[in-house]
Amino acid sequence: MRDGRSILVRAVGLAQALVLLGAGAATAADLASLRKPMTDLTPAAVLHLSATADWVAIARHEVWIGGTGPNALHEIDPKTNREIAAVALPGEPCAGLVIGFGAIWAPLCGDKAGLARVDLKTHALMVLPVAPAGAEGGIAASADSLWMATNKDGALARIDPVSGAVRQTVKLAAGSFNPHVRGGVVWVTSIEASLVTAVDARTGVVLTTVPAGPRPRFLADGAGAVWTLNQGDGTLTRIDARRRVAVGTTALETPGHGGDIAFARGRVWTTMRKVPLSATDARTGQVWRQWVGEGGDSLGIGFGAIWLTDYYKGDVVRIPLKTALRP
C-alpha cells in the first residue's frame, strides 16, 4: 500500500498537507487520558432486536434499525422506546439505510440482492432489481434521486425513486461505495483510492476529488465540513465543504472493519468495536472524549439521543445526548 502521507503531499501540496497531517494530532497516551468505560453512559433504554443489529436511520417520527437473524427492518417508537414493527426482508440489509420519498430504503445482499423500499406509513415492501456493490456500502438521497454504488469498479447509480430505473451512472474511482448528500453535492468515499469525490447532485457531473485518510468509508457533515471515518488508520478527515479541500485530520486510534459516524451538538460522533463511542470537537478537531468497552458498530442521532447498536448482541441502546455531553 502506498504511504498515505506521501499521497497527501503530492495531491494537495506541501503547505496544505502539513495542515492536514498536523491538525488534531494526538498520541495514544493523550487518548488514554480521555477514555472512559462505556458503563459510565447509563442508557435510557436497551432493546434486543435480532441476532445482529446494524445500520440506523432516523425518520421524522421513528427510528429504524437493520438486522439479521432474521433479515428485517425494525421500527422503534422513540416516545415509548419500544419496537412497534418489524418488516421482513428477502435479503440481508447490508449497505446502509436512508429515509426519503416517503419510504425507508435498504440495499440487500445475498441470493436476493436488490434495493428494498418500505413505505413509512403502510410498511408495504417493494424490491427494485438494482443491487449494491457489496456489503458495508451505503445509499443516499438527494432532492430527486437515490444514489448507490452498483459495482466495485466505481459505478455510482442515480436511481429514480418513483420508477426505480437507473437514470444515470457516474464513473468514479474504484472502491467508491459510500455516498453522502450535503448541500446539493453527493460526496463519495473510495476505500481503494483513499479519496472523496464530489458529484453535482443535479447534473451528476464530477466536481472534484479530495484526498482523505487511508481507506475512508463512512461520512457525515456538520460545522461547514464533510467528515470521513478512515478505516485504515482510525482517523477522521475534515473536508471544507465550500472550498472542497481537506483541512484537517484527527487521530482516533480506532482502525478496523465496520464503524459509523454522525454529527450533533458541535461534535463528530463515531463508533467502532472496542471503542463504541468517540466524540470529536468540530471546532478544534480534537478528540473530546472516548468510551471503551463492549458494543458499537453503527449509530444515528435523533430525538435527543444517540442510538448505538451492539452488532453481535443484536441490541440497540438509547443514550441521551445530555448524558454523553456532561462534563
Protein backbone atom coordinates (compact mmCIF):
# COMPACT_ATOMS: atom_id res chain seq x y z
CA MET A 1 0.00 0.00 0.00
CA ARG A 2 1.30 3.46 -0.82
CA ASP A 3 2.20 5.68 2.09
CA GLY A 4 -0.76 7.94 2.95
CA ARG A 5 1.40 10.94 3.87
CA SER A 6 3.21 10.98 0.55
CA ILE A 7 -0.11 10.76 -1.27
CA LEU A 8 -1.37 13.82 0.63
CA VAL A 9 1.74 15.85 -0.11
CA ARG A 10 1.59 15.09 -3.84
CA ALA A 11 -2.17 15.65 -4.04
CA VAL A 12 -2.67 18.88 -2.14
CA GLY A 13 0.78 20.46 -1.89
CA LEU A 14 3.22 20.66 0.98
CA ALA A 15 1.64 23.54 2.91
CA GLN A 16 -1.86 22.10 2.91
CA ALA A 17 -0.60 18.60 3.66
CA LEU A 18 1.20 19.88 6.75
CA VAL A 19 -2.09 21.36 7.97
CA LEU A 20 -3.96 18.18 7.15
CA LEU A 21 -1.45 15.91 8.87
CA GLY A 22 -0.89 18.09 11.90
CA ALA A 23 -4.32 19.28 12.96
CA GLY A 24 -5.98 17.29 15.71
CA ALA A 25 -2.96 15.02 16.20
CA ALA A 26 -3.00 13.04 19.42
CA THR A 27 -0.79 10.35 20.91
CA ALA A 28 -2.05 7.08 22.32
CA ALA A 29 -1.26 8.47 25.78
CA ASP A 30 -3.34 11.57 25.07
CA LEU A 31 -6.32 9.47 24.04
CA ALA A 32 -5.92 7.15 27.01
CA SER A 33 -6.42 10.14 29.30
CA LEU A 34 -9.71 10.93 27.55
CA ARG A 35 -11.15 7.43 27.69
CA LYS A 36 -13.90 6.29 29.99
CA PRO A 37 -15.70 2.95 30.28
CA MET A 38 -18.96 2.51 28.39
CA THR A 39 -20.57 1.66 31.72
CA ASP A 40 -20.34 5.37 32.58
CA LEU A 41 -23.01 6.04 29.93
CA THR A 42 -26.26 4.95 31.52
CA PRO A 43 -28.68 4.23 28.67
CA ALA A 44 -32.28 5.38 28.70
CA ALA A 45 -33.27 2.11 27.03
CA VAL A 46 -31.81 -1.15 25.72
CA LEU A 47 -33.73 -3.08 23.06
CA HIS A 48 -32.87 -6.54 21.79
CA LEU A 49 -33.90 -6.79 18.15
CA SER A 50 -32.38 -9.81 16.41
CA ALA A 51 -29.20 -11.88 16.08
CA THR A 52 -27.36 -8.81 14.79
CA ALA A 53 -28.21 -5.10 14.73
CA ASP A 54 -26.70 -2.90 12.05
CA TRP A 55 -27.47 0.44 10.36
CA VAL A 56 -29.57 3.18 11.92
CA ALA A 57 -31.91 5.62 10.17
CA ILE A 58 -33.74 8.46 11.91
CA ALA A 59 -37.14 9.31 10.42
CA ARG A 60 -39.50 12.10 11.38
CA HIS A 61 -41.40 10.10 13.98
CA GLU A 62 -39.48 6.87 14.42
CA VAL A 63 -36.10 5.15 14.43
CA TRP A 64 -35.27 2.28 12.07
CA ILE A 65 -32.61 -0.38 12.65
CA GLY A 66 -31.48 -3.07 10.22
CA GLY A 67 -30.77 -6.57 11.42
CA THR A 68 -30.19 -10.18 10.51
CA GLY A 69 -31.38 -13.41 12.05
CA PRO A 70 -33.96 -12.81 10.65
CA ASN A 71 -33.36 -10.24 7.92
CA ALA A 72 -35.60 -7.31 8.79
CA LEU A 73 -36.03 -3.61 9.43
CA HIS A 74 -37.09 -2.79 12.98
CA GLU A 75 -39.20 0.27 13.75
CA ILE A 76 -38.81 1.87 17.19
CA ASP A 77 -41.14 4.43 18.71
CA PRO A 78 -38.87 6.99 20.45
CA LYS A 79 -41.75 8.12 22.68
CA THR A 80 -42.04 4.72 24.33
CA ASN A 81 -38.66 3.15 23.45
CA ARG A 82 -40.50 0.10 22.16
CA GLU A 83 -40.25 -1.80 18.91
CA ILE A 84 -43.56 -1.34 17.17
CA ALA A 85 -42.96 -3.18 13.88
CA ALA A 86 -40.53 -5.49 12.11
CA VAL A 87 -40.62 -5.64 8.32
CA ALA A 88 -39.20 -8.89 6.96
CA LEU A 89 -36.76 -8.56 4.06
CA PRO A 90 -35.87 -11.14 1.40
CA GLY A 91 -32.14 -10.42 1.74
CA GLU A 92 -29.61 -9.07 4.21
CA PRO A 93 -29.74 -5.28 4.78
CA CYS A 94 -26.03 -4.94 4.12
CA ALA A 95 -25.22 -1.44 2.89
CA GLY A 96 -26.83 1.31 4.90
CA LEU A 97 -30.29 2.81 5.19
CA VAL A 98 -31.74 6.10 4.05
CA ILE A 99 -35.06 7.88 4.56
CA GLY A 100 -36.57 9.64 1.56
CA PHE A 101 -39.59 9.97 -0.71
CA GLY A 102 -41.97 8.56 1.88
CA ALA A 103 -40.01 5.38 2.43
CA ILE A 104 -37.01 3.78 4.03
CA TRP A 105 -34.56 2.25 1.53
CA ALA A 106 -32.29 -0.69 2.30
CA PRO A 107 -29.77 -2.22 -0.12
CA LEU A 108 -29.87 -6.01 0.11
CA CYS A 109 -27.11 -8.60 -0.29
CA GLY A 110 -27.31 -12.35 -0.75
CA ASP A 111 -29.20 -14.58 -3.17
CA LYS A 112 -31.98 -12.00 -3.46
CA ALA A 113 -29.85 -8.88 -3.78
CA GLY A 114 -31.66 -5.67 -4.69
CA LEU A 115 -32.90 -2.43 -3.23
CA ALA A 116 -35.76 -2.69 -0.74
CA ARG A 117 -38.30 0.11 -0.43
CA VAL A 118 -40.54 0.08 2.66
CA ASP A 119 -43.37 2.61 2.82
CA LEU A 120 -43.10 4.52 6.10
CA LYS A 121 -46.88 4.53 6.66
CA THR A 122 -48.09 1.19 5.34
CA HIS A 123 -44.86 -0.85 5.57
CA ALA A 124 -45.56 -2.15 2.07
CA LEU A 125 -42.40 -3.72 0.66
CA MET A 126 -41.07 -3.43 -2.88
CA VAL A 127 -37.70 -4.73 -4.06
CA LEU A 128 -36.09 -3.00 -7.02
CA PRO A 129 -33.79 -5.01 -9.31
CA VAL A 130 -30.70 -2.88 -8.66
CA ALA A 131 -28.18 -4.34 -6.24
CA PRO A 132 -25.44 -2.70 -4.17
CA ALA A 133 -21.77 -3.18 -4.96
CA GLY A 134 -21.38 -5.19 -1.78
CA ALA A 135 -21.62 -5.16 1.98
CA GLU A 136 -20.65 -2.12 4.05
CA GLY A 137 -21.52 0.29 1.28
CA GLY A 138 -24.21 2.93 1.54
CA ILE A 139 -27.10 4.76 -0.01
CA ALA A 140 -28.03 8.46 -0.05
CA ALA A 141 -30.99 10.58 -1.12
CA SER A 142 -30.87 13.95 -2.86
CA ALA A 143 -33.79 16.17 -3.87
CA ASP A 144 -34.86 13.93 -6.74
CA SER A 145 -32.77 10.76 -6.68
CA LEU A 146 -31.27 7.91 -4.73
CA TRP A 147 -27.53 7.28 -5.06
CA MET A 148 -25.89 3.87 -4.61
CA ALA A 149 -22.73 2.16 -5.83
CA THR A 150 -23.52 -0.85 -8.00
CA ASN A 151 -20.09 -2.34 -8.67
CA LYS A 152 -16.60 -2.34 -7.16
CA ASP A 153 -15.09 -0.59 -10.17
CA GLY A 154 -16.66 2.75 -9.29
CA ALA A 155 -20.18 2.86 -10.77
CA LEU A 156 -22.41 5.27 -8.84
CA ALA A 157 -26.03 4.77 -9.87
CA ARG A 158 -28.56 7.58 -9.80
CA ILE A 159 -31.92 5.91 -9.19
CA ASP A 160 -35.37 7.35 -9.83
CA PRO A 161 -37.32 6.85 -6.56
CA VAL A 162 -40.64 6.52 -8.38
CA SER A 163 -39.85 4.16 -11.25
CA GLY A 164 -36.79 2.51 -9.74
CA ALA A 165 -34.93 2.99 -13.01
CA VAL A 166 -31.25 3.90 -13.07
CA ARG A 167 -31.35 7.38 -14.58
CA GLN A 168 -27.60 7.91 -14.74
CA THR A 169 -24.35 6.11 -13.92
CA VAL A 170 -21.40 8.21 -12.77
CA LYS A 171 -17.91 6.75 -13.17
CA LEU A 172 -15.77 7.18 -10.05
CA ALA A 173 -12.57 5.71 -8.65
CA ALA A 174 -12.62 2.00 -7.89
CA GLY A 175 -13.90 1.17 -4.42
CA SER A 176 -16.26 4.16 -4.28
CA PHE A 177 -19.01 2.60 -2.18
CA ASN A 178 -20.34 5.15 0.30
CA PRO A 179 -22.31 8.25 -0.79
CA HIS A 180 -23.49 11.12 1.41
CA VAL A 181 -25.53 14.13 0.26
CA ARG A 182 -24.88 17.63 1.56
CA GLY A 183 -25.95 20.93 0.01
CA GLY A 184 -26.60 19.67 -3.50
CA VAL A 185 -23.40 17.63 -3.63
CA VAL A 186 -23.01 13.86 -3.42
CA TRP A 187 -19.79 13.07 -1.55
CA VAL A 188 -18.49 9.53 -2.15
CA THR A 189 -15.56 7.85 -0.40
CA SER A 190 -13.23 5.42 -2.16
CA ILE A 191 -11.57 2.89 0.13
CA GLU A 192 -9.17 1.84 -2.63
CA ALA A 193 -8.01 5.28 -3.76
CA SER A 194 -8.25 6.89 -0.29
CA LEU A 195 -10.11 9.88 -1.62
CA VAL A 196 -13.53 11.52 -1.69
CA THR A 197 -15.28 12.50 -4.91
CA ALA A 198 -17.75 15.40 -5.02
CA VAL A 199 -20.56 14.96 -7.56
CA ASP A 200 -23.14 17.59 -8.52
CA ALA A 201 -26.45 16.13 -7.35
CA ARG A 202 -28.39 17.96 -10.07
CA THR A 203 -26.28 17.07 -13.12
CA GLY A 204 -24.24 14.07 -11.98
CA VAL A 205 -21.05 15.83 -13.06
CA VAL A 206 -17.90 15.11 -11.05
CA LEU A 207 -16.82 18.37 -9.43
CA THR A 208 -13.53 17.38 -7.81
CA THR A 209 -11.69 14.74 -5.81
CA VAL A 210 -10.23 15.31 -2.36
CA PRO A 211 -7.59 13.18 -0.58
CA ALA A 212 -8.63 11.57 2.69
CA GLY A 213 -7.02 9.25 5.19
CA PRO A 214 -6.34 5.56 4.44
CA ARG A 215 -9.43 3.61 3.41
CA PRO A 216 -12.14 6.22 4.11
CA ARG A 217 -15.58 4.67 4.47
CA PHE A 218 -18.44 6.42 6.29
CA LEU A 219 -19.29 10.14 6.08
CA ALA A 220 -21.17 12.83 7.98
CA ASP A 221 -21.49 16.58 7.63
CA GLY A 222 -21.56 19.43 10.10
CA ALA A 223 -19.84 22.69 11.06
CA GLY A 224 -19.27 23.55 7.41
CA ALA A 225 -17.42 20.33 6.75
CA VAL A 226 -17.71 16.79 5.47
CA TRP A 227 -16.05 14.26 7.79
CA THR A 228 -14.80 10.82 6.80
CA LEU A 229 -14.12 7.90 9.13
CA ASN A 230 -10.97 6.23 7.82
CA GLN A 231 -10.81 2.51 8.49
CA GLY A 232 -7.16 2.14 7.51
CA ASP A 233 -5.67 4.05 10.44
CA GLY A 234 -8.64 5.02 12.59
CA THR A 235 -8.61 8.73 11.83
CA LEU A 236 -11.10 11.41 10.84
CA THR A 237 -10.53 13.62 7.81
CA ARG A 238 -12.17 17.04 7.75
CA ILE A 239 -13.06 18.46 4.32
CA ASP A 240 -14.10 22.08 3.94
CA ALA A 241 -17.47 21.67 2.20
CA ARG A 242 -17.38 25.05 0.45
CA ARG A 243 -13.79 25.00 -0.79
CA ARG A 244 -13.78 21.21 -1.23
CA VAL A 245 -10.32 20.73 0.22
CA ALA A 246 -9.11 18.60 3.12
CA VAL A 247 -8.15 20.82 6.04
CA GLY A 248 -7.52 18.55 9.00
CA THR A 249 -7.12 15.09 10.41
CA THR A 250 -7.89 13.72 13.86
CA ALA A 251 -6.34 10.58 15.31
CA LEU A 252 -8.95 8.36 16.97
CA GLU A 253 -6.86 5.17 17.23
CA THR A 254 -9.87 3.16 16.01
CA PRO A 255 -8.82 1.36 12.80
CA GLY A 256 -10.69 -1.66 11.51
CA HIS A 257 -13.75 -3.05 9.80
CA GLY A 258 -17.20 -1.53 10.31
CA GLY A 259 -17.97 1.65 12.20
CA ASP A 260 -20.21 4.63 11.67
CA ILE A 261 -20.28 8.41 12.02
CA ALA A 262 -22.79 11.19 12.76
CA PHE A 263 -22.80 14.87 13.72
CA ALA A 264 -24.67 16.62 16.53
CA ARG A 265 -24.20 19.38 19.09
CA GLY A 266 -20.87 20.53 17.72
CA ARG A 267 -19.39 17.03 17.95
CA VAL A 268 -18.48 14.39 15.42
CA TRP A 269 -19.62 11.07 16.89
CA THR A 270 -18.03 7.84 15.70
CA THR A 271 -18.28 4.19 16.65
CA MET A 272 -16.04 1.16 16.27
CA ARG A 273 -15.84 -2.16 18.02
CA LYS A 274 -13.96 -1.93 21.35
CA VAL A 275 -14.30 1.88 21.23
CA PRO A 276 -18.08 2.08 20.82
CA LEU A 277 -18.25 5.86 21.03
CA SER A 278 -15.89 8.76 20.33
CA ALA A 279 -16.73 12.47 20.34
CA THR A 280 -14.55 14.96 18.47
CA ASP A 281 -14.93 18.70 18.88
CA ALA A 282 -15.78 20.02 15.42
CA ARG A 283 -14.37 23.46 16.16
CA THR A 284 -10.90 22.35 17.27
CA GLY A 285 -10.64 18.97 15.59
CA GLN A 286 -9.54 17.48 18.92
CA VAL A 287 -10.95 14.33 20.45
CA TRP A 288 -13.18 15.43 23.30
CA ARG A 289 -13.92 12.04 24.84
CA GLN A 290 -13.93 8.33 24.09
CA TRP A 291 -15.75 5.44 25.71
CA VAL A 292 -14.32 1.91 25.59
CA GLY A 293 -15.88 -1.48 26.20
CA GLU A 294 -18.45 -3.76 24.64
CA GLY A 295 -20.77 -2.85 21.81
CA GLY A 296 -20.69 -0.45 18.93
CA ASP A 297 -20.66 -0.60 15.12
CA SER A 298 -23.44 1.73 13.92
CA LEU A 299 -25.20 4.79 15.23
CA GLY A 300 -27.74 7.50 14.50
CA ILE A 301 -28.67 10.67 16.36
CA GLY A 302 -32.20 11.92 16.82
CA PHE A 303 -34.89 12.63 19.41
CA GLY A 304 -32.25 13.98 21.79
CA ALA A 305 -30.33 10.73 21.86
CA ILE A 306 -27.58 8.60 20.35
CA TRP A 307 -28.93 5.28 19.08
CA LEU A 308 -25.95 2.91 19.23
CA THR A 309 -26.03 -0.69 18.10
CA ASP A 310 -24.18 -3.63 19.57
CA TYR A 311 -23.83 -5.60 16.36
CA TYR A 312 -23.09 -9.04 17.78
CA LYS A 313 -25.66 -8.89 20.56
CA GLY A 314 -28.37 -7.63 18.24
CA ASP A 315 -29.12 -4.74 20.60
CA VAL A 316 -29.61 -1.01 20.24
CA VAL A 317 -29.10 1.32 23.19
CA ARG A 318 -30.55 4.80 23.55
CA ILE A 319 -28.05 7.18 25.18
CA PRO A 320 -29.36 10.68 25.94
CA LEU A 321 -27.14 13.32 24.38
CA LYS A 322 -27.12 15.24 27.65
CA THR A 323 -25.63 12.17 29.32
CA ALA A 324 -22.86 11.87 26.73
CA LEU A 325 -22.15 15.62 26.84
CA ARG A 326 -21.94 16.06 30.58
CA PRO A 327 -18.52 17.24 31.87
